[in-house]
């Protein structure tokens, strides 16, 4: 069954002019980039990033699929196109007391579960934790900042998109 992409173009057009995180990273000399993710599903859903040098929360707000011609497929092949997913994000300014908690939670996560940082070039670096504890301790090291009224109260300071193949 083919993927119906008709409404996907409407979603994409809503975000015309929104830059990719890769372009923003280069334009701001690495002062806009992902630092770590908290939620992940076929790519980062949310987490902490630098936005023009300030630590902020990023949150996926929309996504769409677009058909693009695959340059590696022979012209005689019946399926010349691949579907790529484009995810759109909002960037939120976080009050200092909450950012402190986010940093502390992430440090605990890295100690007890695993590291999930991004280097300055946007490459994810994951390493096993130095200390392994029970699942109960691991669950206590995380907080889902995307739940509740946090995002309603925080100021949106930017938007970006991330293309996933």
N, C-alpha and C. Protein backbone atom coordinates (compact mmCIF):
# COMPACT_ATOMS: atom_id res chain seq x y z
N UNK A 1 0.84 -1.18 0.00
CA UNK A 1 0.00 0.00 0.00
C UNK A 1 0.89 1.24 0.00
N UNK A 2 0.63 2.16 -0.89
CA UNK A 2 1.43 3.37 -1.01
C UNK A 2 1.04 4.37 0.08
N UNK A 3 2.01 5.13 0.49
CA UNK A 3 1.81 6.17 1.50
C UNK A 3 1.13 7.37 0.85
N UNK A 4 0.01 7.81 1.41
CA UNK A 4 -0.69 9.00 0.89
C UNK A 4 -0.01 10.24 1.44
N UNK A 5 0.57 11.03 0.55
CA UNK A 5 1.35 12.18 0.97
C UNK A 5 0.63 13.51 0.74
N UNK A 6 -0.63 13.49 0.36
CA UNK A 6 -1.31 14.73 -0.01
C UNK A 6 -1.34 15.75 1.13
N UNK A 7 -1.66 15.33 2.36
CA UNK A 7 -1.71 16.28 3.46
C UNK A 7 -0.32 16.59 4.01
N UNK A 8 0.67 15.79 3.63
CA UNK A 8 2.03 16.02 4.10
C UNK A 8 2.59 17.33 3.54
N UNK A 9 2.21 17.66 2.31
CA UNK A 9 2.70 18.90 1.70
C UNK A 9 2.12 20.12 2.40
N UNK A 10 0.89 20.03 2.90
CA UNK A 10 0.28 21.12 3.65
C UNK A 10 1.09 21.35 4.92
N UNK A 11 1.43 20.28 5.63
CA UNK A 11 2.25 20.39 6.84
C UNK A 11 3.59 21.02 6.50
N UNK A 12 4.25 20.54 5.45
CA UNK A 12 5.56 21.07 5.08
C UNK A 12 5.47 22.56 4.75
N UNK A 13 4.46 22.97 4.02
CA UNK A 13 4.31 24.38 3.63
C UNK A 13 4.11 25.30 4.82
N UNK A 14 3.52 24.78 5.92
CA UNK A 14 3.36 25.58 7.13
C UNK A 14 4.71 26.05 7.68
N UNK A 15 5.75 25.28 7.39
CA UNK A 15 7.06 25.53 7.98
C UNK A 15 8.09 26.03 6.96
N UNK A 16 7.62 26.56 5.84
CA UNK A 16 8.55 27.13 4.86
C UNK A 16 9.36 28.24 5.54
N UNK A 17 10.62 28.28 5.30
CA UNK A 17 11.48 29.29 5.91
C UNK A 17 12.11 28.84 7.21
N UNK A 18 11.67 27.71 7.76
CA UNK A 18 12.30 27.18 8.98
C UNK A 18 13.58 26.46 8.56
N UNK A 19 14.69 26.85 9.16
CA UNK A 19 16.00 26.30 8.79
C UNK A 19 16.25 24.94 9.43
N UNK A 20 17.15 24.17 8.83
CA UNK A 20 17.55 22.90 9.41
C UNK A 20 18.53 23.16 10.56
N UNK A 21 18.59 22.23 11.49
CA UNK A 21 19.51 22.36 12.61
C UNK A 21 20.95 22.38 12.10
N UNK A 22 21.23 21.64 11.02
CA UNK A 22 22.59 21.62 10.46
C UNK A 22 23.00 23.00 9.97
N UNK A 23 22.11 23.68 9.27
CA UNK A 23 22.42 25.02 8.75
C UNK A 23 22.58 26.01 9.91
N UNK A 24 21.70 25.95 10.89
CA UNK A 24 21.79 26.85 12.04
C UNK A 24 23.08 26.64 12.83
N UNK A 25 23.50 25.37 12.95
CA UNK A 25 24.74 25.06 13.68
C UNK A 25 25.93 25.76 13.03
N UNK A 26 25.99 25.70 11.70
CA UNK A 26 27.10 26.32 10.98
C UNK A 26 27.00 27.84 11.02
N UNK A 27 25.81 28.38 10.77
CA UNK A 27 25.62 29.84 10.75
C UNK A 27 25.96 30.49 12.10
N UNK A 28 25.70 29.80 13.20
CA UNK A 28 25.94 30.37 14.52
C UNK A 28 27.28 29.90 15.12
N UNK A 29 28.11 29.30 14.29
CA UNK A 29 29.43 28.81 14.74
C UNK A 29 29.29 27.89 15.95
N UNK A 30 28.40 26.93 15.84
CA UNK A 30 28.15 25.87 16.83
C UNK A 30 27.47 26.37 18.09
N UNK A 31 26.89 27.57 18.06
CA UNK A 31 26.15 28.09 19.20
C UNK A 31 24.67 27.72 19.16
N UNK A 32 24.25 27.02 18.09
CA UNK A 32 22.91 26.45 17.99
C UNK A 32 23.09 24.99 17.60
N UNK A 33 22.81 24.09 18.54
CA UNK A 33 22.99 22.66 18.29
C UNK A 33 22.36 21.85 19.40
N UNK A 34 22.06 20.60 19.10
CA UNK A 34 21.53 19.70 20.11
C UNK A 34 22.64 19.34 21.09
N UNK A 35 22.29 19.27 22.38
CA UNK A 35 23.24 18.82 23.40
C UNK A 35 22.93 17.39 23.81
N UNK A 36 21.65 17.11 24.15
CA UNK A 36 21.22 15.74 24.42
C UNK A 36 19.72 15.63 24.22
N UNK A 37 19.28 14.40 23.97
CA UNK A 37 17.84 14.18 23.84
C UNK A 37 17.32 13.48 25.08
N UNK A 38 16.05 13.69 25.36
CA UNK A 38 15.37 12.98 26.45
C UNK A 38 14.41 11.96 25.86
N UNK A 39 13.63 12.37 24.86
CA UNK A 39 12.74 11.46 24.15
C UNK A 39 13.30 11.17 22.77
N UNK A 40 13.16 9.92 22.33
CA UNK A 40 13.72 9.52 21.04
C UNK A 40 12.79 8.50 20.39
N UNK A 41 12.40 8.75 19.17
CA UNK A 41 11.62 7.79 18.39
C UNK A 41 11.97 8.05 16.93
N UNK A 42 12.81 7.22 16.35
CA UNK A 42 13.30 7.43 14.99
C UNK A 42 13.94 8.82 14.85
N UNK A 43 14.58 9.26 15.88
CA UNK A 43 15.21 10.58 15.92
C UNK A 43 14.81 11.28 17.20
N UNK A 44 15.52 12.34 17.56
CA UNK A 44 15.20 13.03 18.81
C UNK A 44 13.82 13.67 18.79
N UNK A 45 13.08 13.49 19.87
CA UNK A 45 11.75 14.09 20.03
C UNK A 45 11.82 15.37 20.86
N UNK A 46 12.69 15.35 21.88
CA UNK A 46 12.85 16.51 22.74
C UNK A 46 14.16 16.38 23.50
N UNK A 47 14.54 17.47 24.15
CA UNK A 47 15.77 17.45 24.92
C UNK A 47 16.30 18.85 25.13
N UNK A 48 17.60 18.93 25.39
CA UNK A 48 18.25 20.20 25.67
C UNK A 48 19.21 20.53 24.54
N UNK A 49 19.23 21.81 24.18
CA UNK A 49 20.07 22.27 23.09
C UNK A 49 20.64 23.65 23.43
N UNK A 50 21.65 24.04 22.68
CA UNK A 50 22.08 25.43 22.68
C UNK A 50 21.30 26.14 21.59
N UNK A 51 20.69 27.26 21.93
CA UNK A 51 20.00 28.10 20.94
C UNK A 51 20.65 29.47 21.02
N UNK A 52 21.47 29.76 20.03
CA UNK A 52 22.22 31.03 20.00
C UNK A 52 22.99 31.24 21.29
N UNK A 53 23.60 30.14 21.78
CA UNK A 53 24.45 30.19 22.96
C UNK A 53 23.74 29.97 24.28
N UNK A 54 22.42 29.91 24.30
CA UNK A 54 21.65 29.74 25.54
C UNK A 54 21.10 28.32 25.60
N UNK A 55 21.21 27.68 26.77
CA UNK A 55 20.64 26.34 26.93
C UNK A 55 19.12 26.45 26.95
N UNK A 56 18.46 25.69 26.08
CA UNK A 56 17.00 25.72 25.93
C UNK A 56 16.47 24.29 25.78
N UNK A 57 15.16 24.15 25.87
CA UNK A 57 14.46 22.89 25.64
C UNK A 57 13.97 22.87 24.19
N UNK A 58 14.15 21.76 23.49
CA UNK A 58 13.53 21.61 22.17
C UNK A 58 12.49 20.52 22.24
N UNK A 59 11.41 20.71 21.48
CA UNK A 59 10.28 19.78 21.51
C UNK A 59 9.73 19.60 20.11
N UNK A 60 9.61 18.36 19.66
CA UNK A 60 8.99 18.09 18.37
C UNK A 60 7.54 18.56 18.39
N UNK A 61 7.13 19.30 17.36
CA UNK A 61 5.77 19.81 17.33
C UNK A 61 4.99 19.34 16.10
N UNK A 62 5.69 18.80 15.09
CA UNK A 62 5.01 18.36 13.87
C UNK A 62 5.99 17.54 13.04
N UNK A 63 5.47 16.79 12.08
CA UNK A 63 6.34 16.05 11.16
C UNK A 63 5.57 15.77 9.88
N UNK A 64 6.31 15.47 8.84
CA UNK A 64 5.68 15.08 7.58
C UNK A 64 6.65 14.21 6.80
N UNK A 65 6.13 13.54 5.79
CA UNK A 65 6.94 12.74 4.88
C UNK A 65 6.89 13.38 3.51
N UNK A 66 8.03 13.42 2.86
CA UNK A 66 8.10 13.93 1.49
C UNK A 66 8.75 12.88 0.61
N UNK A 67 8.29 12.81 -0.62
CA UNK A 67 8.91 11.91 -1.59
C UNK A 67 10.07 12.63 -2.25
N UNK A 68 11.20 11.99 -2.28
CA UNK A 68 12.37 12.54 -2.97
C UNK A 68 12.93 11.48 -3.89
N UNK A 69 13.45 11.91 -5.02
CA UNK A 69 14.04 10.97 -5.96
C UNK A 69 15.33 10.43 -5.38
N UNK A 70 15.46 9.13 -5.40
CA UNK A 70 16.65 8.47 -4.89
C UNK A 70 17.68 8.40 -6.00
N UNK A 71 18.82 9.08 -5.86
CA UNK A 71 19.81 9.09 -6.93
C UNK A 71 20.49 7.73 -7.15
N UNK A 72 20.37 6.83 -6.18
CA UNK A 72 21.02 5.53 -6.31
C UNK A 72 20.15 4.49 -7.01
N UNK A 73 18.89 4.84 -7.33
CA UNK A 73 17.98 3.89 -7.97
C UNK A 73 18.03 4.08 -9.48
N UNK A 74 18.11 2.98 -10.17
CA UNK A 74 18.15 2.98 -11.63
C UNK A 74 16.83 3.53 -12.18
N UNK A 75 16.91 4.32 -13.27
CA UNK A 75 15.73 4.94 -13.89
C UNK A 75 14.69 3.90 -14.33
N UNK A 76 15.12 2.67 -14.63
CA UNK A 76 14.20 1.63 -15.08
C UNK A 76 13.44 0.99 -13.92
N UNK A 77 13.86 1.25 -12.71
CA UNK A 77 13.22 0.69 -11.53
C UNK A 77 11.83 1.32 -11.36
N UNK A 78 10.90 0.55 -10.81
CA UNK A 78 9.52 1.05 -10.67
C UNK A 78 9.37 2.05 -9.52
N UNK A 79 10.22 1.96 -8.51
CA UNK A 79 10.11 2.86 -7.36
C UNK A 79 11.32 3.78 -7.33
N UNK A 80 11.18 4.95 -7.94
CA UNK A 80 12.29 5.89 -8.06
C UNK A 80 12.40 6.80 -6.84
N UNK A 81 11.46 6.73 -5.93
CA UNK A 81 11.41 7.71 -4.85
C UNK A 81 11.52 7.06 -3.49
N UNK A 82 12.12 7.79 -2.58
CA UNK A 82 12.15 7.43 -1.16
C UNK A 82 11.30 8.43 -0.41
N UNK A 83 10.77 8.00 0.70
CA UNK A 83 10.06 8.92 1.58
C UNK A 83 11.01 9.34 2.69
N UNK A 84 11.18 10.64 2.90
CA UNK A 84 11.98 11.10 4.02
C UNK A 84 11.05 11.77 5.02
N UNK A 85 11.40 11.59 6.29
CA UNK A 85 10.62 12.22 7.33
C UNK A 85 11.31 13.52 7.72
N UNK A 86 10.53 14.58 7.82
CA UNK A 86 11.03 15.85 8.31
C UNK A 86 10.28 16.16 9.59
N UNK A 87 11.04 16.38 10.65
CA UNK A 87 10.43 16.69 11.95
C UNK A 87 10.68 18.17 12.24
N UNK A 88 9.66 18.82 12.76
CA UNK A 88 9.73 20.24 13.09
C UNK A 88 9.71 20.40 14.61
N UNK A 89 10.47 21.37 15.10
CA UNK A 89 10.65 21.56 16.53
C UNK A 89 10.41 23.00 16.93
N UNK A 90 9.96 23.18 18.17
CA UNK A 90 9.94 24.49 18.80
C UNK A 90 11.04 24.50 19.86
N UNK A 91 11.60 25.67 20.06
CA UNK A 91 12.66 25.86 21.06
C UNK A 91 12.10 26.76 22.16
N UNK A 92 12.24 26.30 23.40
CA UNK A 92 11.66 27.01 24.55
C UNK A 92 12.77 27.53 25.47
N UNK A 93 12.61 28.76 25.91
CA UNK A 93 13.47 29.33 26.94
C UNK A 93 13.02 28.71 28.27
N UNK A 94 13.97 28.20 29.03
CA UNK A 94 13.65 27.48 30.26
C UNK A 94 14.08 28.32 31.47
N UNK A 95 13.20 28.51 32.45
CA UNK A 95 13.59 29.22 33.67
C UNK A 95 14.80 28.52 34.31
N UNK A 96 15.72 29.29 34.89
CA UNK A 96 16.97 28.71 35.42
C UNK A 96 16.77 27.56 36.40
N UNK A 97 15.76 27.64 37.28
CA UNK A 97 15.58 26.56 38.26
C UNK A 97 15.24 25.24 37.57
N UNK A 98 14.50 25.29 36.47
CA UNK A 98 14.17 24.06 35.74
C UNK A 98 15.37 23.55 34.95
N UNK A 99 16.15 24.47 34.36
CA UNK A 99 17.33 24.02 33.62
C UNK A 99 18.30 23.32 34.56
N UNK A 100 18.43 23.84 35.78
CA UNK A 100 19.29 23.17 36.77
C UNK A 100 18.84 21.75 37.03
N UNK A 101 17.52 21.55 37.15
CA UNK A 101 16.98 20.20 37.36
C UNK A 101 17.24 19.32 36.14
N UNK A 102 17.08 19.89 34.94
CA UNK A 102 17.31 19.11 33.71
C UNK A 102 18.76 18.63 33.64
N UNK A 103 19.69 19.51 33.97
CA UNK A 103 21.10 19.15 33.93
C UNK A 103 21.39 18.06 34.96
N UNK A 104 20.85 18.22 36.18
CA UNK A 104 21.05 17.23 37.23
C UNK A 104 20.44 15.87 36.84
N UNK A 105 19.23 15.89 36.29
CA UNK A 105 18.58 14.65 35.84
C UNK A 105 19.41 13.97 34.75
N UNK A 106 19.94 14.77 33.83
CA UNK A 106 20.72 14.19 32.74
C UNK A 106 22.03 13.58 33.26
N UNK A 107 22.67 14.25 34.20
CA UNK A 107 23.90 13.70 34.78
C UNK A 107 23.62 12.37 35.47
N UNK A 108 22.51 12.29 36.20
CA UNK A 108 22.13 11.02 36.84
C UNK A 108 21.86 9.94 35.80
N UNK A 109 21.15 10.32 34.75
CA UNK A 109 20.86 9.36 33.66
C UNK A 109 22.17 8.82 33.09
N UNK A 110 23.11 9.70 32.84
CA UNK A 110 24.40 9.28 32.27
C UNK A 110 25.16 8.36 33.23
N UNK A 111 25.06 8.62 34.53
CA UNK A 111 25.75 7.77 35.50
C UNK A 111 25.12 6.39 35.63
N UNK A 112 23.78 6.34 35.58
CA UNK A 112 23.09 5.09 35.87
C UNK A 112 22.62 4.32 34.64
N UNK A 113 22.44 4.98 33.51
CA UNK A 113 21.86 4.30 32.35
C UNK A 113 22.81 4.36 31.16
N UNK A 114 22.91 5.52 30.53
CA UNK A 114 23.83 5.66 29.40
C UNK A 114 23.98 7.14 29.05
N UNK A 115 25.01 7.45 28.31
CA UNK A 115 25.20 8.81 27.80
C UNK A 115 24.49 8.94 26.47
N UNK A 116 23.89 10.08 26.23
CA UNK A 116 23.28 10.34 24.92
C UNK A 116 23.49 11.80 24.56
N UNK A 117 24.74 12.13 24.34
CA UNK A 117 25.12 13.50 23.96
C UNK A 117 25.27 13.60 22.46
N UNK A 118 25.27 14.84 21.97
CA UNK A 118 25.60 15.12 20.58
C UNK A 118 26.88 15.95 20.58
N UNK A 119 27.83 15.60 19.70
CA UNK A 119 29.02 16.42 19.61
C UNK A 119 28.71 17.70 18.85
N UNK A 120 29.69 18.59 18.71
CA UNK A 120 29.40 19.89 18.10
C UNK A 120 29.03 19.78 16.63
N UNK A 121 29.31 18.64 16.00
CA UNK A 121 28.94 18.42 14.60
C UNK A 121 27.59 17.75 14.44
N UNK A 122 26.88 17.53 15.55
CA UNK A 122 25.55 16.95 15.48
C UNK A 122 25.52 15.44 15.47
N UNK A 123 26.64 14.80 15.74
CA UNK A 123 26.71 13.33 15.76
C UNK A 123 26.40 12.85 17.18
N UNK A 124 25.45 11.91 17.27
CA UNK A 124 25.08 11.38 18.58
C UNK A 124 26.19 10.49 19.11
N UNK A 125 26.51 10.67 20.39
CA UNK A 125 27.52 9.86 21.05
C UNK A 125 26.84 9.16 22.22
N UNK A 126 26.72 7.85 22.14
CA UNK A 126 26.09 7.08 23.21
C UNK A 126 27.12 6.13 23.79
N UNK A 127 27.22 6.10 25.11
CA UNK A 127 28.15 5.21 25.80
C UNK A 127 27.41 4.58 26.96
N UNK A 128 27.76 3.34 27.31
CA UNK A 128 27.13 2.72 28.48
C UNK A 128 27.52 3.48 29.76
N UNK A 129 26.67 3.39 30.75
CA UNK A 129 26.93 4.05 32.03
C UNK A 129 28.11 3.39 32.74
N UNK A 130 28.77 4.17 33.58
CA UNK A 130 29.87 3.63 34.39
C UNK A 130 29.32 2.78 35.54
N UNK A 131 28.15 3.15 36.02
CA UNK A 131 27.52 2.48 37.16
C UNK A 131 26.18 1.93 36.68
N UNK A 132 25.91 0.67 36.95
CA UNK A 132 24.61 0.11 36.58
C UNK A 132 23.81 -0.18 37.84
N UNK A 133 22.58 0.29 37.84
CA UNK A 133 21.70 0.10 38.99
C UNK A 133 20.40 -0.54 38.54
N UNK A 134 19.55 -0.79 39.50
CA UNK A 134 18.26 -1.41 39.20
C UNK A 134 17.40 -0.47 38.38
N UNK A 135 16.39 -1.02 37.74
CA UNK A 135 15.46 -0.24 36.92
C UNK A 135 14.77 0.84 37.75
N UNK A 136 14.48 0.55 39.04
CA UNK A 136 13.83 1.55 39.89
C UNK A 136 14.68 2.81 40.00
N UNK A 137 15.95 2.66 40.20
CA UNK A 137 16.85 3.82 40.30
C UNK A 137 16.92 4.53 38.95
N UNK A 138 17.00 3.76 37.87
CA UNK A 138 17.07 4.37 36.54
C UNK A 138 15.82 5.20 36.25
N UNK A 139 14.66 4.71 36.63
CA UNK A 139 13.42 5.43 36.36
C UNK A 139 13.34 6.73 37.16
N UNK A 140 13.97 6.79 38.32
CA UNK A 140 13.95 7.99 39.14
C UNK A 140 14.89 9.08 38.63
N UNK A 141 15.70 8.80 37.62
CA UNK A 141 16.66 9.80 37.13
C UNK A 141 16.08 10.63 36.00
N UNK A 142 14.86 10.33 35.57
CA UNK A 142 14.30 11.06 34.43
C UNK A 142 13.03 11.79 34.82
N UNK A 143 12.77 12.87 34.11
CA UNK A 143 11.51 13.61 34.27
C UNK A 143 11.09 13.98 32.86
N UNK A 144 9.83 13.79 32.56
CA UNK A 144 9.33 14.12 31.23
C UNK A 144 8.85 15.56 31.24
N UNK A 145 9.71 16.47 30.77
CA UNK A 145 9.41 17.89 30.77
C UNK A 145 8.37 18.26 29.72
N UNK A 146 8.10 17.35 28.80
CA UNK A 146 7.10 17.64 27.76
C UNK A 146 5.67 17.44 28.29
N UNK A 147 5.53 16.85 29.47
CA UNK A 147 4.22 16.61 30.06
C UNK A 147 3.87 17.75 31.02
N UNK A 148 2.62 17.94 31.28
CA UNK A 148 2.20 18.98 32.21
C UNK A 148 2.11 20.33 31.52
N UNK A 149 2.16 21.38 32.32
CA UNK A 149 1.97 22.74 31.80
C UNK A 149 3.27 23.48 31.55
N UNK A 150 4.40 22.80 31.68
CA UNK A 150 5.68 23.49 31.51
C UNK A 150 5.75 24.24 30.18
N UNK A 151 5.49 23.55 29.09
CA UNK A 151 5.66 24.15 27.78
C UNK A 151 4.68 25.30 27.54
N UNK A 152 3.52 25.24 28.16
CA UNK A 152 2.55 26.34 28.02
C UNK A 152 3.06 27.61 28.68
N UNK A 153 3.86 27.46 29.72
CA UNK A 153 4.36 28.60 30.48
C UNK A 153 5.67 29.15 29.92
N UNK A 154 6.41 28.34 29.18
CA UNK A 154 7.72 28.76 28.70
C UNK A 154 7.61 29.48 27.37
N UNK A 155 8.47 30.44 27.15
CA UNK A 155 8.47 31.26 25.93
C UNK A 155 9.13 30.50 24.77
N UNK A 156 8.46 30.50 23.62
CA UNK A 156 9.05 29.93 22.39
C UNK A 156 10.03 30.96 21.84
N UNK A 157 11.29 30.56 21.66
CA UNK A 157 12.32 31.48 21.17
C UNK A 157 12.79 31.14 19.77
N UNK A 158 12.34 30.02 19.22
CA UNK A 158 12.75 29.66 17.87
C UNK A 158 12.13 28.37 17.38
N UNK A 159 12.45 28.05 16.13
CA UNK A 159 11.99 26.81 15.48
C UNK A 159 13.11 26.30 14.60
N UNK A 160 13.12 24.98 14.38
CA UNK A 160 14.05 24.39 13.42
C UNK A 160 13.45 23.09 12.91
N UNK A 161 14.09 22.53 11.89
CA UNK A 161 13.65 21.23 11.38
C UNK A 161 14.85 20.32 11.28
N UNK A 162 14.56 19.03 11.28
CA UNK A 162 15.57 18.01 11.20
C UNK A 162 15.10 16.96 10.22
N UNK A 163 15.87 16.73 9.18
CA UNK A 163 15.48 15.74 8.17
C UNK A 163 16.04 14.39 8.52
N UNK A 164 15.18 13.41 8.56
CA UNK A 164 15.55 12.02 8.85
C UNK A 164 15.33 11.20 7.61
N UNK A 165 16.26 10.33 7.29
CA UNK A 165 16.08 9.46 6.12
C UNK A 165 15.51 8.14 6.59
